[in-house]
């Protein structure tokens, strides 16, 4: 009972400061049952130790066999510090499902929204870079690296202009 009270206090504090109480759902498959649950435990442990995860509990189901393939699922309930962290975790871990328990009507300020959108952009660029660099010739790769360098420089300038604009409004 004391543990539940501590959880409710932590949850209240996280939500009051712009955080979220969510459930992520994952599945994992293997043709071998031996280490399937251990792999899911390792996967969920990594998630629960991410920056911005204030508390997490994973419930992992026993593996089931279907047509020679073994599957397990996990429900990871988490208190997450802010929207940017929630977005980063979603993009990094790609759950098969997400339930947002609380808050039911989140308020996100422009700075947090901008940070979240920049995280989306950076992750998309990293994924694009990974995909393209694995399928390019050396010459194409050099050209792409130069383009990305130019893009990064433009991004820095845009951020500086945005920061200057915000400073002028204050």
N, C-alpha and C. Protein backbone atom coordinates (compact mmCIF):
# COMPACT_ATOMS: atom_id res chain seq x y z
N UNK A 1 0.83 -1.19 0.00
CA UNK A 1 0.00 0.00 0.00
C UNK A 1 0.87 1.25 0.00
N UNK A 2 1.99 1.21 0.76
CA UNK A 2 2.90 2.36 0.79
C UNK A 2 3.54 2.58 -0.57
N UNK A 3 3.83 1.48 -1.29
CA UNK A 3 4.41 1.60 -2.62
C UNK A 3 3.45 2.29 -3.58
N UNK A 4 2.16 1.99 -3.46
CA UNK A 4 1.17 2.62 -4.33
C UNK A 4 1.07 4.11 -4.03
N UNK A 5 1.16 4.48 -2.77
CA UNK A 5 1.11 5.89 -2.39
C UNK A 5 2.34 6.62 -2.95
N UNK A 6 3.52 6.00 -2.87
CA UNK A 6 4.73 6.60 -3.43
C UNK A 6 4.60 6.77 -4.94
N UNK A 7 4.05 5.74 -5.59
CA UNK A 7 3.84 5.84 -7.04
C UNK A 7 2.91 6.99 -7.37
N UNK A 8 1.80 7.10 -6.66
CA UNK A 8 0.83 8.17 -6.94
C UNK A 8 1.45 9.55 -6.72
N UNK A 9 2.30 9.69 -5.70
CA UNK A 9 2.98 10.96 -5.45
C UNK A 9 3.94 11.29 -6.59
N UNK A 10 4.72 10.28 -7.01
CA UNK A 10 5.65 10.49 -8.12
C UNK A 10 4.90 10.82 -9.40
N UNK A 11 3.83 10.08 -9.66
CA UNK A 11 3.02 10.32 -10.86
C UNK A 11 2.45 11.73 -10.85
N UNK A 12 1.91 12.15 -9.73
CA UNK A 12 1.35 13.49 -9.61
C UNK A 12 2.41 14.55 -9.89
N UNK A 13 3.60 14.36 -9.36
CA UNK A 13 4.70 15.30 -9.56
C UNK A 13 5.13 15.34 -11.03
N UNK A 14 5.27 14.18 -11.66
CA UNK A 14 5.68 14.11 -13.07
C UNK A 14 4.63 14.78 -13.95
N UNK A 15 3.36 14.49 -13.72
CA UNK A 15 2.29 15.08 -14.53
C UNK A 15 2.20 16.59 -14.33
N UNK A 16 2.38 17.03 -13.10
CA UNK A 16 2.32 18.46 -12.79
C UNK A 16 3.42 19.23 -13.53
N UNK A 17 4.53 18.59 -13.80
CA UNK A 17 5.65 19.24 -14.47
C UNK A 17 5.72 18.91 -15.97
N UNK A 18 4.59 18.53 -16.57
CA UNK A 18 4.52 18.33 -18.01
C UNK A 18 4.83 16.93 -18.49
N UNK A 19 4.85 15.96 -17.57
CA UNK A 19 5.17 14.59 -17.94
C UNK A 19 3.95 13.77 -18.33
N UNK A 20 4.19 12.49 -18.57
CA UNK A 20 3.16 11.58 -19.07
C UNK A 20 3.23 10.25 -18.35
N UNK A 21 2.07 9.61 -18.20
CA UNK A 21 1.98 8.23 -17.74
C UNK A 21 1.49 7.43 -18.93
N UNK A 22 2.34 6.55 -19.46
CA UNK A 22 2.03 5.83 -20.69
C UNK A 22 2.34 4.35 -20.56
N UNK A 23 1.77 3.59 -21.49
CA UNK A 23 2.08 2.17 -21.63
C UNK A 23 2.57 1.96 -23.06
N UNK A 24 3.74 1.35 -23.19
CA UNK A 24 4.26 0.94 -24.49
C UNK A 24 4.07 -0.58 -24.59
N UNK A 25 3.72 -1.05 -25.78
CA UNK A 25 3.54 -2.48 -26.01
C UNK A 25 4.54 -2.93 -27.08
N UNK A 26 5.17 -4.07 -26.82
CA UNK A 26 6.18 -4.60 -27.74
C UNK A 26 5.93 -6.07 -28.00
N UNK A 27 6.40 -6.53 -29.15
CA UNK A 27 6.40 -7.96 -29.42
C UNK A 27 7.79 -8.35 -29.91
N UNK A 28 8.12 -9.62 -29.71
CA UNK A 28 9.41 -10.12 -30.14
C UNK A 28 9.19 -11.56 -30.59
N UNK A 29 9.89 -11.94 -31.65
CA UNK A 29 9.70 -13.26 -32.25
C UNK A 29 11.04 -13.94 -32.47
N UNK A 30 11.02 -15.27 -32.40
CA UNK A 30 12.22 -16.05 -32.64
C UNK A 30 11.83 -17.47 -32.99
N UNK A 31 12.71 -18.15 -33.72
CA UNK A 31 12.44 -19.56 -34.00
C UNK A 31 12.97 -20.44 -32.87
N UNK A 32 13.61 -19.82 -31.86
CA UNK A 32 14.13 -20.53 -30.69
C UNK A 32 13.53 -19.92 -29.43
N UNK A 33 12.99 -20.77 -28.58
CA UNK A 33 12.36 -20.28 -27.35
C UNK A 33 13.38 -19.99 -26.25
N UNK A 34 14.54 -20.59 -26.35
CA UNK A 34 15.52 -20.57 -25.26
C UNK A 34 15.75 -19.19 -24.66
N UNK A 35 16.08 -18.22 -25.45
CA UNK A 35 16.44 -16.92 -24.87
C UNK A 35 15.48 -15.79 -25.25
N UNK A 36 14.31 -16.13 -25.74
CA UNK A 36 13.36 -15.10 -26.18
C UNK A 36 12.95 -14.18 -25.03
N UNK A 37 12.59 -14.76 -23.89
CA UNK A 37 12.19 -13.92 -22.76
C UNK A 37 13.38 -13.11 -22.24
N UNK A 38 14.56 -13.70 -22.21
CA UNK A 38 15.75 -12.97 -21.76
C UNK A 38 16.04 -11.79 -22.68
N UNK A 39 15.84 -11.98 -23.99
CA UNK A 39 16.04 -10.88 -24.94
C UNK A 39 15.05 -9.76 -24.66
N UNK A 40 13.79 -10.11 -24.37
CA UNK A 40 12.78 -9.09 -24.08
C UNK A 40 13.10 -8.39 -22.77
N UNK A 41 13.59 -9.11 -21.78
CA UNK A 41 13.98 -8.49 -20.51
C UNK A 41 15.10 -7.49 -20.76
N UNK A 42 16.11 -7.87 -21.54
CA UNK A 42 17.20 -6.95 -21.86
C UNK A 42 16.72 -5.73 -22.60
N UNK A 43 15.82 -5.93 -23.56
CA UNK A 43 15.27 -4.83 -24.35
C UNK A 43 14.50 -3.85 -23.47
N UNK A 44 13.61 -4.38 -22.63
CA UNK A 44 12.80 -3.49 -21.78
C UNK A 44 13.65 -2.84 -20.69
N UNK A 45 14.68 -3.53 -20.22
CA UNK A 45 15.57 -2.93 -19.22
C UNK A 45 16.28 -1.72 -19.78
N UNK A 46 16.72 -1.83 -21.02
CA UNK A 46 17.38 -0.69 -21.68
C UNK A 46 16.42 0.50 -21.76
N UNK A 47 15.19 0.24 -22.15
CA UNK A 47 14.17 1.29 -22.25
C UNK A 47 13.92 1.95 -20.90
N UNK A 48 13.78 1.16 -19.87
CA UNK A 48 13.42 1.71 -18.56
C UNK A 48 14.54 2.53 -17.93
N UNK A 49 15.75 2.40 -18.46
CA UNK A 49 16.89 3.16 -17.94
C UNK A 49 17.24 4.37 -18.80
N UNK A 50 16.40 4.70 -19.75
CA UNK A 50 16.63 5.85 -20.63
C UNK A 50 16.48 7.17 -19.85
N UNK A 51 17.24 8.20 -20.25
CA UNK A 51 17.05 9.53 -19.63
C UNK A 51 15.61 10.00 -19.84
N UNK A 52 15.03 10.57 -18.81
CA UNK A 52 13.66 11.08 -18.89
C UNK A 52 12.61 10.08 -18.44
N UNK A 53 13.00 8.82 -18.25
CA UNK A 53 12.07 7.82 -17.72
C UNK A 53 12.19 7.88 -16.20
N UNK A 54 11.15 8.39 -15.57
CA UNK A 54 11.17 8.59 -14.11
C UNK A 54 10.88 7.32 -13.34
N UNK A 55 10.09 6.43 -13.94
CA UNK A 55 9.78 5.14 -13.34
C UNK A 55 9.21 4.26 -14.42
N UNK A 56 9.51 2.97 -14.37
CA UNK A 56 8.97 2.05 -15.36
C UNK A 56 8.85 0.65 -14.78
N UNK A 57 7.81 -0.06 -15.24
CA UNK A 57 7.58 -1.44 -14.86
C UNK A 57 7.21 -2.19 -16.13
N UNK A 58 7.90 -3.31 -16.35
CA UNK A 58 7.63 -4.13 -17.54
C UNK A 58 6.94 -5.42 -17.12
N UNK A 59 5.91 -5.79 -17.86
CA UNK A 59 5.22 -7.06 -17.68
C UNK A 59 5.45 -7.86 -18.97
N UNK A 60 6.16 -8.97 -18.86
CA UNK A 60 6.51 -9.77 -20.02
C UNK A 60 5.75 -11.09 -19.97
N UNK A 61 5.07 -11.39 -21.07
CA UNK A 61 4.28 -12.60 -21.16
C UNK A 61 5.16 -13.80 -21.49
N UNK A 62 4.71 -14.96 -21.08
CA UNK A 62 5.41 -16.21 -21.43
C UNK A 62 5.33 -16.40 -22.95
N UNK A 63 6.39 -16.92 -23.57
CA UNK A 63 6.37 -17.13 -25.02
C UNK A 63 5.29 -18.12 -25.45
N UNK A 64 4.72 -17.85 -26.61
CA UNK A 64 3.75 -18.75 -27.22
C UNK A 64 4.33 -19.26 -28.53
N UNK A 65 3.97 -20.49 -28.90
CA UNK A 65 4.46 -21.07 -30.16
C UNK A 65 3.32 -21.11 -31.16
N UNK A 66 3.65 -20.70 -32.39
CA UNK A 66 2.65 -20.76 -33.47
C UNK A 66 3.39 -21.05 -34.77
N UNK A 67 3.10 -22.17 -35.35
CA UNK A 67 3.68 -22.57 -36.63
C UNK A 67 5.21 -22.50 -36.63
N UNK A 68 5.82 -22.97 -35.56
CA UNK A 68 7.28 -23.03 -35.48
C UNK A 68 7.96 -21.75 -35.07
N UNK A 69 7.20 -20.69 -34.80
CA UNK A 69 7.76 -19.42 -34.35
C UNK A 69 7.27 -19.13 -32.94
N UNK A 70 8.18 -18.66 -32.10
CA UNK A 70 7.84 -18.31 -30.74
C UNK A 70 7.71 -16.79 -30.64
N UNK A 71 6.72 -16.35 -29.87
CA UNK A 71 6.47 -14.92 -29.70
C UNK A 71 6.25 -14.60 -28.24
N UNK A 72 6.66 -13.40 -27.86
CA UNK A 72 6.34 -12.89 -26.53
C UNK A 72 5.97 -11.42 -26.67
N UNK A 73 5.23 -10.94 -25.71
CA UNK A 73 4.85 -9.53 -25.70
C UNK A 73 5.22 -8.93 -24.34
N UNK A 74 5.34 -7.61 -24.35
CA UNK A 74 5.62 -6.89 -23.11
C UNK A 74 4.80 -5.62 -23.07
N UNK A 75 4.35 -5.29 -21.87
CA UNK A 75 3.69 -4.02 -21.60
C UNK A 75 4.62 -3.28 -20.64
N UNK A 76 5.09 -2.10 -21.06
CA UNK A 76 5.98 -1.31 -20.22
C UNK A 76 5.23 -0.04 -19.83
N UNK A 77 4.93 0.07 -18.54
CA UNK A 77 4.23 1.24 -18.00
C UNK A 77 5.29 2.20 -17.48
N UNK A 78 5.20 3.47 -17.92
CA UNK A 78 6.26 4.43 -17.60
C UNK A 78 5.71 5.79 -17.22
N UNK A 79 6.45 6.44 -16.33
CA UNK A 79 6.27 7.86 -16.07
C UNK A 79 7.41 8.54 -16.81
N UNK A 80 7.06 9.40 -17.77
CA UNK A 80 8.04 10.04 -18.65
C UNK A 80 8.01 11.53 -18.41
N UNK A 81 9.20 12.14 -18.35
CA UNK A 81 9.34 13.53 -17.91
C UNK A 81 8.68 14.57 -18.81
N UNK A 82 8.67 14.37 -20.13
CA UNK A 82 8.14 15.40 -21.02
C UNK A 82 7.83 14.83 -22.40
N UNK A 83 7.20 15.66 -23.22
CA UNK A 83 6.77 15.25 -24.55
C UNK A 83 7.96 14.89 -25.45
N UNK A 84 9.02 15.66 -25.37
CA UNK A 84 10.20 15.38 -26.20
C UNK A 84 10.77 14.00 -25.90
N UNK A 85 10.82 13.64 -24.63
CA UNK A 85 11.31 12.31 -24.25
C UNK A 85 10.35 11.23 -24.75
N UNK A 86 9.05 11.45 -24.60
CA UNK A 86 8.06 10.49 -25.09
C UNK A 86 8.23 10.28 -26.59
N UNK A 87 8.41 11.35 -27.32
CA UNK A 87 8.61 11.26 -28.76
C UNK A 87 9.90 10.52 -29.11
N UNK A 88 10.98 10.86 -28.42
CA UNK A 88 12.28 10.21 -28.68
C UNK A 88 12.20 8.71 -28.42
N UNK A 89 11.57 8.34 -27.31
CA UNK A 89 11.45 6.92 -26.97
C UNK A 89 10.59 6.18 -27.99
N UNK A 90 9.52 6.82 -28.44
CA UNK A 90 8.65 6.22 -29.44
C UNK A 90 9.42 5.98 -30.74
N UNK A 91 10.19 6.97 -31.16
CA UNK A 91 10.94 6.83 -32.40
C UNK A 91 12.09 5.83 -32.26
N UNK A 92 12.72 5.78 -31.11
CA UNK A 92 13.87 4.90 -30.90
C UNK A 92 13.46 3.44 -30.70
N UNK A 93 12.36 3.20 -30.00
CA UNK A 93 11.98 1.83 -29.63
C UNK A 93 10.83 1.27 -30.45
N UNK A 94 10.14 2.10 -31.21
CA UNK A 94 9.04 1.71 -32.10
C UNK A 94 8.09 0.66 -31.51
N UNK A 95 7.37 1.03 -30.46
CA UNK A 95 6.41 0.08 -29.89
C UNK A 95 5.30 -0.24 -30.89
N UNK A 96 4.69 -1.41 -30.72
CA UNK A 96 3.57 -1.77 -31.61
C UNK A 96 2.29 -1.09 -31.16
N UNK A 97 2.27 -0.57 -29.94
CA UNK A 97 1.11 0.15 -29.43
C UNK A 97 1.52 1.08 -28.31
N UNK A 98 0.74 2.14 -28.14
CA UNK A 98 0.98 3.11 -27.07
C UNK A 98 -0.37 3.52 -26.51
N UNK A 99 -0.48 3.51 -25.18
CA UNK A 99 -1.65 4.05 -24.49
C UNK A 99 -1.16 5.19 -23.62
N UNK A 100 -1.77 6.35 -23.79
CA UNK A 100 -1.47 7.47 -22.90
C UNK A 100 -2.55 7.47 -21.83
N UNK A 101 -2.14 7.12 -20.61
CA UNK A 101 -3.07 7.10 -19.47
C UNK A 101 -3.40 8.52 -19.03
N UNK A 102 -2.35 9.30 -18.80
CA UNK A 102 -2.50 10.67 -18.32
C UNK A 102 -1.36 11.52 -18.85
N UNK A 103 -1.55 12.78 -19.06
CA UNK A 103 -2.78 13.54 -18.94
C UNK A 103 -3.66 13.31 -20.17
N UNK A 104 -4.94 13.54 -19.99
CA UNK A 104 -5.87 13.36 -21.10
C UNK A 104 -5.89 14.56 -22.04
N UNK A 105 -5.45 15.71 -21.54
CA UNK A 105 -5.36 16.91 -22.39
C UNK A 105 -4.03 17.61 -22.11
N UNK A 106 -3.01 17.16 -22.79
CA UNK A 106 -1.65 17.67 -22.56
C UNK A 106 -1.49 19.08 -23.11
N UNK A 107 -0.71 19.88 -22.39
CA UNK A 107 -0.35 21.23 -22.82
C UNK A 107 1.14 21.21 -23.14
N UNK A 108 1.48 21.62 -24.35
CA UNK A 108 2.88 21.62 -24.79
C UNK A 108 3.23 23.03 -25.23
N UNK A 109 4.27 23.59 -24.60
CA UNK A 109 4.65 24.95 -24.99
C UNK A 109 5.48 24.91 -26.28
N UNK A 110 5.65 26.06 -26.89
CA UNK A 110 6.32 26.16 -28.19
C UNK A 110 7.76 25.64 -28.14
N UNK A 111 8.47 25.90 -27.05
CA UNK A 111 9.85 25.42 -26.93
C UNK A 111 9.93 23.91 -26.92
N UNK A 112 9.03 23.27 -26.18
CA UNK A 112 9.03 21.81 -26.13
C UNK A 112 8.60 21.23 -27.47
N UNK A 113 7.63 21.87 -28.11
CA UNK A 113 7.18 21.42 -29.43
C UNK A 113 8.33 21.53 -30.43
N UNK A 114 9.06 22.64 -30.40
CA UNK A 114 10.18 22.84 -31.31
C UNK A 114 11.25 21.78 -31.07
N UNK A 115 11.56 21.50 -29.81
CA UNK A 115 12.53 20.48 -29.48
C UNK A 115 12.09 19.12 -30.00
N UNK A 116 10.82 18.80 -29.82
CA UNK A 116 10.29 17.52 -30.30
C UNK A 116 10.39 17.41 -31.82
N UNK A 117 10.03 18.48 -32.50
CA UNK A 117 10.09 18.46 -33.96
C UNK A 117 11.53 18.36 -34.46
N UNK A 118 12.46 19.00 -33.77
CA UNK A 118 13.87 18.88 -34.14
C UNK A 118 14.36 17.45 -33.93
N UNK A 119 13.87 16.78 -32.87
CA UNK A 119 14.22 15.37 -32.66
C UNK A 119 13.71 14.50 -33.80
N UNK A 120 12.49 14.76 -34.26
CA UNK A 120 11.94 14.02 -35.40
C UNK A 120 12.83 14.23 -36.61
N UNK A 121 13.18 15.47 -36.87
CA UNK A 121 14.01 15.79 -38.02
C UNK A 121 15.36 15.10 -37.94
N UNK A 122 16.00 15.16 -36.78
CA UNK A 122 17.32 14.54 -36.62
C UNK A 122 17.25 13.03 -36.79
N UNK A 123 16.23 12.41 -36.22
CA UNK A 123 16.08 10.96 -36.35
C UNK A 123 15.82 10.57 -37.79
N UNK A 124 14.99 11.33 -38.47
CA UNK A 124 14.71 11.05 -39.88
C UNK A 124 15.97 11.19 -40.73
N UNK A 125 16.76 12.21 -40.44
CA UNK A 125 18.00 12.40 -41.20
C UNK A 125 18.98 11.26 -40.93
N UNK A 126 19.08 10.82 -39.67
CA UNK A 126 19.96 9.71 -39.34
C UNK A 126 19.53 8.43 -40.07
N UNK A 127 18.23 8.18 -40.08
CA UNK A 127 17.72 7.00 -40.76
C UNK A 127 17.98 7.08 -42.26
N UNK A 128 17.71 8.24 -42.83
CA UNK A 128 17.98 8.44 -44.26
C UNK A 128 19.46 8.24 -44.55
N UNK A 129 20.30 8.81 -43.72
CA UNK A 129 21.75 8.67 -43.90
C UNK A 129 22.16 7.20 -43.85
N UNK A 130 21.64 6.48 -42.88
CA UNK A 130 21.98 5.07 -42.73
C UNK A 130 21.55 4.27 -43.97
N UNK A 131 20.33 4.49 -44.40
CA UNK A 131 19.81 3.75 -45.56
C UNK A 131 20.62 4.09 -46.81
N UNK A 132 20.81 5.38 -47.04
CA UNK A 132 21.50 5.79 -48.26
C UNK A 132 22.98 5.41 -48.26
N UNK A 133 23.62 5.53 -47.11
CA UNK A 133 25.06 5.24 -47.08
C UNK A 133 25.34 3.76 -47.30
N UNK A 134 24.38 2.92 -46.99
CA UNK A 134 24.56 1.48 -47.22
C UNK A 134 24.32 1.09 -48.67
N UNK A 135 23.70 1.97 -49.44
CA UNK A 135 23.37 1.63 -50.82
C UNK A 135 24.07 2.52 -51.84
N UNK A 136 25.06 3.33 -51.40
CA UNK A 136 25.73 4.27 -52.30
C UNK A 136 27.14 3.82 -52.64
N UNK A 137 27.57 4.29 -53.80
CA UNK A 137 28.97 4.11 -54.17
C UNK A 137 29.80 5.09 -53.34
N UNK A 138 31.12 4.94 -53.37
CA UNK A 138 32.01 5.83 -52.61
C UNK A 138 31.84 7.28 -53.07
N UNK A 139 31.74 7.50 -54.37
CA UNK A 139 31.57 8.85 -54.92
C UNK A 139 30.25 9.46 -54.48
N UNK A 140 29.18 8.68 -54.53
CA UNK A 140 27.86 9.15 -54.10
C UNK A 140 27.87 9.45 -52.60
N UNK A 141 28.56 8.63 -51.83
CA UNK A 141 28.66 8.81 -50.39
C UNK A 141 29.36 10.13 -50.05
N UNK A 142 30.45 10.44 -50.75
CA UNK A 142 31.18 11.70 -50.51
C UNK A 142 30.29 12.90 -50.80
N UNK A 143 29.56 12.82 -51.90
CA UNK A 143 28.65 13.91 -52.27
C UNK A 143 27.56 14.08 -51.20
N UNK A 144 27.04 12.96 -50.73
CA UNK A 144 26.00 13.00 -49.72
C UNK A 144 26.52 13.60 -48.41
N UNK A 145 27.72 13.21 -47.99
CA UNK A 145 28.31 13.75 -46.76
C UNK A 145 28.47 15.26 -46.88
N UNK A 146 28.89 15.74 -48.05
CA UNK A 146 29.03 17.19 -48.26
C UNK A 146 27.67 17.88 -48.16
N UNK A 147 26.65 17.27 -48.75
CA UNK A 147 25.30 17.84 -48.68
C UNK A 147 24.81 17.90 -47.23
N UNK A 148 25.08 16.85 -46.47
CA UNK A 148 24.65 16.82 -45.07
C UNK A 148 25.40 17.87 -44.25
N UNK A 149 26.65 18.08 -44.57
CA UNK A 149 27.44 19.11 -43.88
C UNK A 149 26.86 20.49 -44.17
N UNK A 150 26.52 20.74 -45.42
CA UNK A 150 25.88 22.01 -45.79
C UNK A 150 24.54 22.17 -45.08
N UNK A 151 23.79 21.09 -45.01
CA UNK A 151 22.48 21.12 -44.35
C UNK A 151 22.65 21.44 -42.86
N UNK A 152 23.65 20.85 -42.23
CA UNK A 152 23.90 21.10 -40.81
C UNK A 152 24.26 22.56 -40.59
N UNK A 153 25.05 23.13 -41.48
CA UNK A 153 25.44 24.54 -41.37
C UNK A 153 24.21 25.44 -41.50
N UNK A 154 23.34 25.12 -42.46
CA UNK A 154 22.10 25.89 -42.61
C UNK A 154 21.22 25.76 -41.37
N UNK A 155 21.16 24.55 -40.81
CA UNK A 155 20.37 24.32 -39.60
C UNK A 155 20.87 25.18 -38.45
N UNK A 156 22.19 25.29 -38.30
CA UNK A 156 22.77 26.13 -37.24
C UNK A 156 22.36 27.58 -37.44
N UNK A 157 22.41 28.05 -38.68
CA UNK A 157 22.03 29.44 -38.95
C UNK A 157 20.56 29.68 -38.64
N UNK A 158 19.71 28.75 -39.02
CA UNK A 158 18.28 28.89 -38.76
C UNK A 158 18.03 28.93 -37.26
N UNK A 159 18.69 28.05 -36.51
CA UNK A 159 18.53 28.04 -35.05
C UNK A 159 18.99 29.36 -34.45
N UNK A 160 20.12 29.89 -34.91
CA UNK A 160 20.61 31.17 -34.41
C UNK A 160 19.62 32.28 -34.69
N UNK A 161 19.05 32.28 -35.91
CA UNK A 161 18.06 33.30 -36.26
C UNK A 161 16.83 33.17 -35.36
N UNK A 162 16.41 31.93 -35.11
CA UNK A 162 15.25 31.69 -34.26
C UNK A 162 15.53 32.16 -32.83
N UNK A 163 16.72 31.84 -32.32
CA UNK A 163 17.10 32.28 -30.97
C UNK A 163 17.15 33.81 -30.87
N UNK A 164 17.72 34.45 -31.91
CA UNK A 164 17.79 35.93 -31.94
C UNK A 164 16.38 36.52 -31.93
N UNK A 165 15.49 35.91 -32.71
CA UNK A 165 14.11 36.39 -32.79
C UNK A 165 13.42 36.27 -31.44
N UNK A 166 13.64 35.17 -30.74
CA UNK A 166 13.03 34.98 -29.43
C UNK A 166 13.59 35.98 -28.42
N UNK A 167 14.91 36.24 -28.50
CA UNK A 167 15.54 37.21 -27.59
C UNK A 167 14.96 38.59 -27.80
N UNK A 168 14.66 38.97 -29.03
CA UNK A 168 14.11 40.29 -29.32
C UNK A 168 12.70 40.44 -28.77
N UNK A 169 11.94 39.33 -28.70
CA UNK A 169 10.57 39.36 -28.19
C UNK A 169 10.52 39.55 -26.68
N UNK A 170 11.62 39.17 -26.00
CA UNK A 170 11.65 39.26 -24.53
C UNK A 170 11.81 40.64 -24.06
